[in-house]
Amino acid sequence: MEAVLAMVEALATEQQQAAAVAAAGGGGYVGLKVVYSGVGPLSASDLHLAMAAGAHVVLFNTGVGAKLEATLKAAQSSGVRLLSHNIVYSLLDAIRAEVAAAREQGAAASAGGGAAAAALVEVGSAEVLATFPLTSGSKRIKDGRIAGVRVLSGELTHGSSELWRVLRGDEVLWEGPASSLRQHKQDVGAVAAGGEAGVVLGGGVFSDFQRGDRLVCLRRGGG
């Protein structure tokens, strides 16, 4: 197990470096991050964690626990994909394919008719007040952080047409989707100015929040 995890971690580092190079060149940011690892069959708590983090599930040489049909269906409906292989190199190839597909999807969305790509309008902004560990049940997601924010203007919304930016001064630190927007531990679709919320970005891929950072929520035209 340790050897397989080390290979996946090495792949994550490789993909993060590639994502950083792409972002520096003006390309899309799609990285890879291991948020949790464990031994044994897939459990309901694993699926709940994946849904909370906006992550996919990778299984190596193991199966799915009993009585998970309903939970698995709910996870897959929320966008969680299940990658299962018994050969480590096949598993790594499957992960690479997922990252490549996500990059292509992002590039297609950006290039989908210049006017549509340019039609990003700010719908809200917020200030980071504090950060908290990202957990699901009793499991803590590795290096994951929740940004506790106060909405300064407009509203923060969570859907399929939003793009989020993290700003520190005038520097854009990160750009991508939010995987969770919550108030009082409940998922919400929007938080208006003056309200406070917890935000998870990119399934925990971005976690380098600092107090005072600004989050900007943008919406694609027609979204």
Protein backbone atom coordinates (compact mmCIF):
# COMPACT_ATOMS: atom_id res chain seq x y z
CA MET A 1 0.00 0.00 0.00
CA GLU A 2 2.78 2.44 0.94
CA ALA A 3 4.56 1.88 -2.38
CA VAL A 4 1.37 2.50 -4.38
CA LEU A 5 0.57 5.63 -2.38
CA ALA A 6 4.12 6.91 -2.94
CA MET A 7 3.68 6.48 -6.70
CA VAL A 8 0.35 8.32 -6.64
CA GLU A 9 1.88 11.11 -4.52
CA ALA A 10 4.74 11.40 -7.04
CA LEU A 11 2.20 11.64 -9.85
CA ALA A 12 0.33 14.34 -7.91
CA THR A 13 3.56 16.35 -7.57
CA GLU A 14 4.23 15.93 -11.29
CA GLN A 15 0.73 17.11 -12.20
CA GLN A 16 0.85 20.05 -9.78
CA GLN A 17 4.09 21.22 -11.38
CA ALA A 18 2.55 20.90 -14.84
CA ALA A 19 -0.51 22.84 -13.66
CA ALA A 20 1.68 25.62 -12.25
CA VAL A 21 3.55 25.91 -15.55
CA ALA A 22 0.26 26.03 -17.45
CA ALA A 23 -1.15 28.68 -15.11
CA ALA A 24 1.98 30.82 -15.45
CA GLY A 25 1.57 30.68 -19.22
CA GLY A 26 -2.06 31.75 -19.04
CA GLY A 27 -3.46 28.24 -19.36
CA GLY A 28 -6.00 26.50 -17.18
CA TYR A 29 -5.14 25.26 -13.69
CA VAL A 30 -5.93 21.59 -13.15
CA GLY A 31 -3.85 19.94 -10.46
CA LEU A 32 -3.96 16.66 -8.58
CA LYS A 33 -3.98 16.21 -4.82
CA VAL A 34 -4.38 13.21 -2.52
CA VAL A 35 -6.87 14.28 0.15
CA TYR A 36 -7.12 10.99 2.05
CA SER A 37 -5.76 7.45 1.89
CA GLY A 38 -6.66 4.28 3.75
CA VAL A 39 -6.64 0.49 3.68
CA GLY A 40 -9.58 -1.86 3.12
CA PRO A 41 -12.82 -1.86 1.12
CA LEU A 42 -14.52 1.39 0.15
CA SER A 43 -16.83 2.57 2.94
CA ALA A 44 -19.74 4.99 3.22
CA SER A 45 -17.54 7.45 5.13
CA ASP A 46 -15.04 7.39 2.24
CA LEU A 47 -17.81 8.35 -0.17
CA HIS A 48 -19.10 11.10 2.11
CA LEU A 49 -15.57 12.46 2.35
CA ALA A 50 -15.23 12.44 -1.45
CA MET A 51 -18.51 14.32 -1.82
CA ALA A 52 -17.45 16.89 0.79
CA ALA A 53 -14.09 17.44 -0.91
CA GLY A 54 -15.37 17.34 -4.48
CA ALA A 55 -12.92 14.49 -5.07
CA HIS A 56 -12.83 11.24 -7.02
CA VAL A 57 -12.25 7.81 -5.43
CA VAL A 58 -9.30 5.63 -6.43
CA LEU A 59 -9.28 1.94 -5.45
CA PHE A 60 -6.28 -0.35 -5.83
CA ASN A 61 -6.70 -4.09 -5.47
CA THR A 62 -9.75 -3.76 -3.23
CA GLY A 63 -13.50 -3.66 -3.55
CA VAL A 64 -16.61 -1.82 -2.46
CA GLY A 65 -18.03 -2.50 0.99
CA ALA A 66 -21.46 -4.02 1.51
CA LYS A 67 -24.74 -2.09 1.34
CA LEU A 68 -23.27 0.95 -0.38
CA GLU A 69 -25.58 1.07 -3.40
CA ALA A 70 -27.55 4.15 -2.31
CA THR A 71 -24.50 6.05 -1.05
CA LEU A 72 -22.49 5.19 -4.15
CA LYS A 73 -25.34 6.32 -6.40
CA ALA A 74 -25.60 9.62 -4.49
CA ALA A 75 -21.85 10.16 -4.74
CA GLN A 76 -21.79 9.46 -8.46
CA SER A 77 -24.77 11.78 -8.97
CA SER A 78 -22.80 14.54 -7.24
CA GLY A 79 -19.89 14.06 -9.67
CA VAL A 80 -17.69 11.58 -7.78
CA ARG A 81 -16.00 9.11 -10.14
CA LEU A 82 -14.77 5.68 -9.09
CA LEU A 83 -11.44 4.46 -10.53
CA SER A 84 -10.62 0.86 -9.65
CA HIS A 85 -7.65 -1.21 -10.89
CA ASN A 86 -5.55 -4.16 -9.78
CA ILE A 87 -2.47 -3.11 -11.78
CA VAL A 88 -0.73 -0.02 -10.47
CA TYR A 89 0.38 1.30 -13.87
CA SER A 90 -3.17 1.00 -15.19
CA LEU A 91 -4.33 2.95 -12.15
CA LEU A 92 -1.78 5.72 -12.76
CA ASP A 93 -2.77 5.89 -16.43
CA ALA A 94 -6.43 6.21 -15.42
CA ILE A 95 -5.60 9.09 -13.07
CA ARG A 96 -3.58 10.83 -15.79
CA ALA A 97 -6.52 10.42 -18.16
CA GLU A 98 -8.88 12.04 -15.62
CA VAL A 99 -6.57 15.05 -15.25
CA ALA A 100 -6.17 15.35 -19.03
CA ALA A 101 -9.95 15.20 -19.52
CA ALA A 102 -10.46 17.92 -16.90
CA ARG A 103 -7.91 20.13 -18.63
CA GLU A 104 -9.56 19.60 -22.01
CA GLN A 105 -12.96 20.38 -20.53
CA GLY A 106 -11.62 23.59 -19.01
CA ALA A 107 -9.92 24.60 -22.26
CA ALA A 108 -13.11 23.93 -24.22
CA ALA A 109 -15.13 26.04 -21.79
CA SER A 110 -12.67 28.92 -22.13
CA ALA A 111 -12.52 28.67 -25.91
CA GLY A 112 -16.22 28.01 -26.42
CA GLY A 113 -16.87 31.05 -28.55
CA GLY A 114 -14.73 34.05 -27.62
CA ALA A 115 -17.74 36.09 -26.57
CA ALA A 116 -18.89 33.44 -24.10
CA ALA A 117 -15.39 33.05 -22.69
CA ALA A 118 -15.13 36.81 -22.16
CA ALA A 119 -18.56 37.07 -20.54
CA LEU A 120 -17.40 36.63 -16.96
CA VAL A 121 -19.08 39.03 -14.59
CA GLU A 122 -18.37 39.49 -10.90
CA VAL A 123 -21.38 38.52 -8.82
CA GLY A 124 -19.82 38.80 -5.39
CA SER A 125 -16.68 39.13 -3.31
CA ALA A 126 -15.66 38.08 0.17
CA GLU A 127 -12.83 38.44 2.66
CA VAL A 128 -11.15 35.48 4.35
CA LEU A 129 -11.55 35.79 8.11
CA ALA A 130 -10.12 32.43 9.20
CA THR A 131 -9.31 28.93 7.98
CA PHE A 132 -10.29 25.53 9.33
CA PRO A 133 -9.27 21.91 8.66
CA LEU A 134 -11.35 20.21 5.98
CA THR A 135 -12.96 17.10 7.44
CA SER A 136 -15.71 14.61 6.69
CA GLY A 137 -17.07 12.90 9.77
CA SER A 138 -14.05 11.86 11.82
CA LYS A 139 -11.70 11.93 8.82
CA ARG A 140 -9.48 14.91 8.16
CA ILE A 141 -8.71 15.58 4.51
CA LYS A 142 -4.97 15.84 3.99
CA ASP A 143 -3.83 19.49 3.81
CA GLY A 144 -7.39 20.55 3.00
CA ARG A 145 -8.64 23.87 4.37
CA ILE A 146 -12.01 25.60 4.57
CA ALA A 147 -11.96 29.37 4.19
CA GLY A 148 -14.28 31.11 6.61
CA VAL A 149 -15.36 34.26 4.78
CA ARG A 150 -17.60 37.31 5.09
CA VAL A 151 -19.37 38.43 1.91
CA LEU A 152 -18.44 42.04 1.14
CA SER A 153 -20.51 42.71 -1.97
CA GLY A 154 -23.11 41.06 -4.16
CA GLU A 155 -23.48 37.38 -3.32
CA LEU A 156 -21.44 34.21 -3.46
CA THR A 157 -23.15 31.52 -5.52
CA HIS A 158 -22.36 27.86 -6.04
CA GLY A 159 -23.31 26.21 -9.31
CA SER A 160 -21.89 24.95 -12.59
CA SER A 161 -21.30 28.36 -14.20
CA GLU A 162 -19.18 30.02 -11.49
CA LEU A 163 -15.46 30.66 -11.55
CA TRP A 164 -13.67 31.72 -8.36
CA ARG A 165 -10.48 33.70 -7.89
CA VAL A 166 -8.31 34.10 -4.82
CA LEU A 167 -6.59 37.49 -4.63
CA ARG A 168 -3.84 38.61 -2.28
CA GLY A 169 -3.45 42.28 -2.97
CA ASP A 170 -3.38 42.50 -6.77
CA GLU A 171 -1.97 39.00 -7.24
CA VAL A 172 -4.25 36.21 -8.46
CA LEU A 173 -3.24 33.13 -6.46
CA TRP A 174 -5.76 30.66 -7.83
CA GLU A 175 -8.65 30.39 -10.25
CA GLY A 176 -11.13 27.56 -10.56
CA PRO A 177 -14.40 26.11 -9.24
CA ALA A 178 -15.70 25.96 -5.70
CA SER A 179 -16.57 22.47 -4.52
CA SER A 180 -18.51 23.57 -1.44
CA LEU A 181 -20.34 26.64 -0.12
CA ARG A 182 -21.80 26.19 3.36
CA GLN A 183 -23.57 28.05 6.14
CA HIS A 184 -24.07 26.42 9.54
CA LYS A 185 -22.65 23.16 8.11
CA GLN A 186 -25.35 23.03 5.43
CA ASP A 187 -24.73 23.27 1.68
CA VAL A 188 -26.27 26.42 0.24
CA GLY A 189 -26.63 27.84 -3.25
CA ALA A 190 -25.96 31.48 -2.37
CA VAL A 191 -24.83 33.76 0.46
CA ALA A 192 -25.67 37.47 0.30
CA ALA A 193 -23.59 40.48 1.33
CA GLY A 194 -23.04 40.65 5.07
CA GLY A 195 -23.36 36.90 5.50
CA GLU A 196 -20.62 34.50 6.51
CA ALA A 197 -19.87 31.12 4.97
CA GLY A 198 -17.34 28.34 4.59
CA VAL A 199 -15.81 27.83 1.15
CA VAL A 200 -13.81 24.90 -0.24
CA LEU A 201 -12.06 25.52 -3.55
CA GLY A 202 -11.24 22.85 -6.11
CA GLY A 203 -11.87 19.94 -3.76
CA GLY A 204 -9.15 21.24 -1.46
CA VAL A 205 -6.54 21.61 -4.23
CA PHE A 206 -6.13 25.24 -3.14
CA SER A 207 -5.68 25.58 0.62
CA ASP A 208 -3.10 28.36 1.01
CA PHE A 209 -5.58 30.88 2.39
CA GLN A 210 -4.47 33.78 4.55
CA ARG A 211 -6.59 36.12 6.60
CA GLY A 212 -7.39 39.17 4.48
CA ASP A 213 -7.31 37.33 1.13
CA ARG A 214 -10.18 38.26 -1.16
CA LEU A 215 -12.36 35.71 -2.92
CA VAL A 216 -14.15 36.84 -6.06
CA CYS A 217 -17.06 34.85 -7.47
CA LEU A 218 -17.61 35.28 -11.21
CA ARG A 219 -20.35 33.85 -13.38
CA ARG A 220 -20.15 32.94 -17.03
CA GLY A 221 -22.54 34.76 -19.31
CA GLY A 222 -25.79 32.87 -19.71
CA GLY A 223 -25.11 30.85 -16.52
